[in-house]
Amino acid sequence: MQVLSYLFSPIPGTVFNYINLVLIYSGLLVVAAILLKVLFIVRKGNKALKRTLKTAPSQFAWCGVILPLLALSRTNGVPYLSMRFLLFIMVLLSVYYIAKSIYKMIKVYPEMKNLIEKPQQKDDKVVYTTKKK
């Protein structure tokens, strides 16, 4: 019961020793989002990369924006927004997005690359067209 009251306390206190780590982590998430967007722009012809990691930059950016807001609300003592539970869920969600992106790059991207980049074999079919006189 004490664990639940610890996690869901609406005003957990303004002392938060990990604010610097959370801010650095969220900054790294935003930088990763920007780097992925730049990678998409540089590698325009790589459709497999874009299809595999299409949503990753926006997911990283949203986590990178929401985490410092939650951490700053914790240090300022904003009720309900400074709950430990919300901060914990956002950190877990960002770790999930990172793990999902790494999995896609290792497992899904090579398969997608092979499927997309294989030259499509054209059958020698007779094409009937209208003859203009």
Protein backbone atom coordinates (compact mmCIF):
# COMPACT_ATOMS: atom_id res chain seq x y z
CA MET A 1 0.00 0.00 0.00
CA GLN A 2 2.88 2.34 0.72
CA VAL A 3 4.27 1.74 -2.78
CA LEU A 4 1.03 2.93 -4.36
CA SER A 5 0.87 6.02 -2.18
CA TYR A 6 4.54 6.68 -3.04
CA LEU A 7 3.93 6.43 -6.81
CA PHE A 8 0.58 8.21 -6.93
CA SER A 9 1.25 11.01 -4.48
CA PRO A 10 -0.16 14.15 -6.13
CA ILE A 11 2.55 16.38 -4.64
CA PRO A 12 5.68 14.26 -4.13
CA GLY A 13 7.92 17.13 -3.07
CA THR A 14 10.20 19.49 -4.90
CA VAL A 15 13.47 17.71 -4.09
CA PHE A 16 14.35 15.78 -7.24
CA ASN A 17 17.94 14.61 -7.43
CA TYR A 18 17.73 13.18 -10.94
CA ILE A 19 16.63 16.28 -12.83
CA ASN A 20 19.98 16.67 -14.58
CA LEU A 21 19.89 13.06 -15.79
CA VAL A 22 16.33 13.43 -17.05
CA LEU A 23 17.17 16.66 -18.88
CA ILE A 24 20.25 15.10 -20.50
CA TYR A 25 18.25 12.01 -21.48
CA SER A 26 15.48 14.09 -23.00
CA GLY A 27 18.05 16.20 -24.87
CA LEU A 28 19.57 13.04 -26.30
CA LEU A 29 16.11 11.91 -27.43
CA VAL A 30 15.54 15.19 -29.26
CA VAL A 31 18.99 15.00 -30.87
CA ALA A 32 18.27 11.41 -31.97
CA ALA A 33 14.98 12.55 -33.52
CA ILE A 34 16.75 15.32 -35.43
CA LEU A 35 19.50 12.96 -36.61
CA LEU A 36 16.94 10.45 -37.87
CA LYS A 37 15.11 13.16 -39.80
CA VAL A 38 18.41 14.31 -41.34
CA LEU A 39 19.21 10.69 -42.21
CA PHE A 40 15.87 10.39 -44.01
CA ILE A 41 16.63 13.55 -45.98
CA VAL A 42 20.17 12.45 -46.89
CA ARG A 43 19.07 8.95 -47.91
CA LYS A 44 16.04 9.88 -49.99
CA GLY A 45 16.32 6.84 -52.22
CA ASN A 46 16.36 4.37 -49.34
CA LYS A 47 12.67 3.51 -49.08
CA ALA A 48 13.32 0.60 -46.73
CA LEU A 49 14.86 2.88 -44.11
CA LYS A 50 11.99 5.32 -44.28
CA ARG A 51 9.36 2.58 -44.09
CA THR A 52 11.10 0.84 -41.21
CA LEU A 53 11.65 3.87 -38.97
CA LYS A 54 8.85 6.12 -40.16
CA THR A 55 7.44 6.97 -36.73
CA ALA A 56 10.65 6.86 -34.68
CA PRO A 57 11.64 10.56 -35.00
CA SER A 58 8.26 11.82 -33.84
CA GLN A 59 8.16 9.32 -30.97
CA PHE A 60 11.63 10.36 -29.80
CA ALA A 61 10.76 14.04 -30.13
CA TRP A 62 7.53 13.75 -28.13
CA CYS A 63 9.26 11.84 -25.34
CA GLY A 64 12.10 14.37 -25.41
CA VAL A 65 9.64 17.24 -24.97
CA ILE A 66 7.33 15.69 -22.37
CA LEU A 67 10.06 14.36 -20.06
CA PRO A 68 11.57 17.77 -19.17
CA LEU A 69 8.09 19.21 -18.70
CA LEU A 70 7.31 16.49 -16.17
CA ALA A 71 10.69 16.94 -14.46
CA LEU A 72 10.31 20.72 -14.25
CA SER A 73 6.77 20.38 -12.92
CA ARG A 74 8.22 18.11 -10.25
CA THR A 75 10.77 20.70 -9.15
CA ASN A 76 8.13 23.45 -9.16
CA GLY A 77 5.64 21.36 -7.20
CA VAL A 78 2.75 21.33 -9.68
CA PRO A 79 0.07 19.01 -8.27
CA TYR A 80 -0.81 15.83 -10.19
CA LEU A 81 1.55 16.69 -13.06
CA SER A 82 4.53 16.05 -10.81
CA MET A 83 3.49 12.50 -9.91
CA ARG A 84 6.30 9.95 -9.88
CA PHE A 85 4.07 7.58 -11.83
CA LEU A 86 3.85 9.86 -14.87
CA LEU A 87 7.61 10.35 -14.97
CA PHE A 88 8.16 6.62 -14.59
CA ILE A 89 5.71 5.82 -17.40
CA MET A 90 7.35 8.34 -19.76
CA VAL A 91 10.83 6.94 -19.11
CA LEU A 92 9.55 3.40 -19.72
CA LEU A 93 7.77 4.52 -22.89
CA SER A 94 10.89 6.16 -24.26
CA VAL A 95 12.97 3.06 -23.50
CA TYR A 96 10.32 0.98 -25.30
CA TYR A 97 10.50 3.24 -28.37
CA ILE A 98 14.29 3.00 -28.42
CA ALA A 99 14.21 -0.80 -28.09
CA LYS A 100 11.57 -1.07 -30.82
CA SER A 101 13.64 1.08 -33.18
CA ILE A 102 16.78 -0.96 -32.53
CA TYR A 103 14.85 -4.18 -33.15
CA LYS A 104 13.49 -2.82 -36.41
CA MET A 105 16.95 -1.76 -37.57
CA ILE A 106 18.45 -5.16 -36.76
CA LYS A 107 15.66 -7.52 -37.83
CA VAL A 108 13.13 -5.77 -40.06
CA TYR A 109 15.32 -3.36 -42.06
CA PRO A 110 17.52 -6.00 -43.77
CA GLU A 111 14.46 -8.00 -44.85
CA MET A 112 12.69 -4.88 -46.08
CA LYS A 113 15.82 -3.76 -47.92
CA ASN A 114 16.08 -7.09 -49.71
CA LEU A 115 12.41 -7.02 -50.71
CA ILE A 116 12.42 -3.46 -51.99
CA GLU A 117 15.79 -3.41 -53.73
CA LYS A 118 15.37 -6.67 -55.67
CA PRO A 119 14.90 -5.89 -59.31
CA GLN A 120 11.38 -6.72 -60.25
CA GLN A 121 11.21 -9.28 -62.99
CA LYS A 122 9.02 -8.26 -65.86
CA ASP A 123 7.24 -10.98 -67.71
CA ASP A 124 7.41 -10.91 -71.46
CA LYS A 125 3.75 -10.35 -71.97
CA VAL A 126 2.29 -9.11 -75.18
CA VAL A 127 0.82 -5.71 -74.65
CA TYR A 128 -2.15 -4.95 -76.82
CA THR A 129 -2.52 -1.33 -77.77
CA THR A 130 -4.81 0.45 -80.16
CA LYS A 131 -3.40 1.24 -83.53
CA LYS A 132 -3.98 4.73 -84.74
CA LYS A 133 -4.44 5.21 -88.48
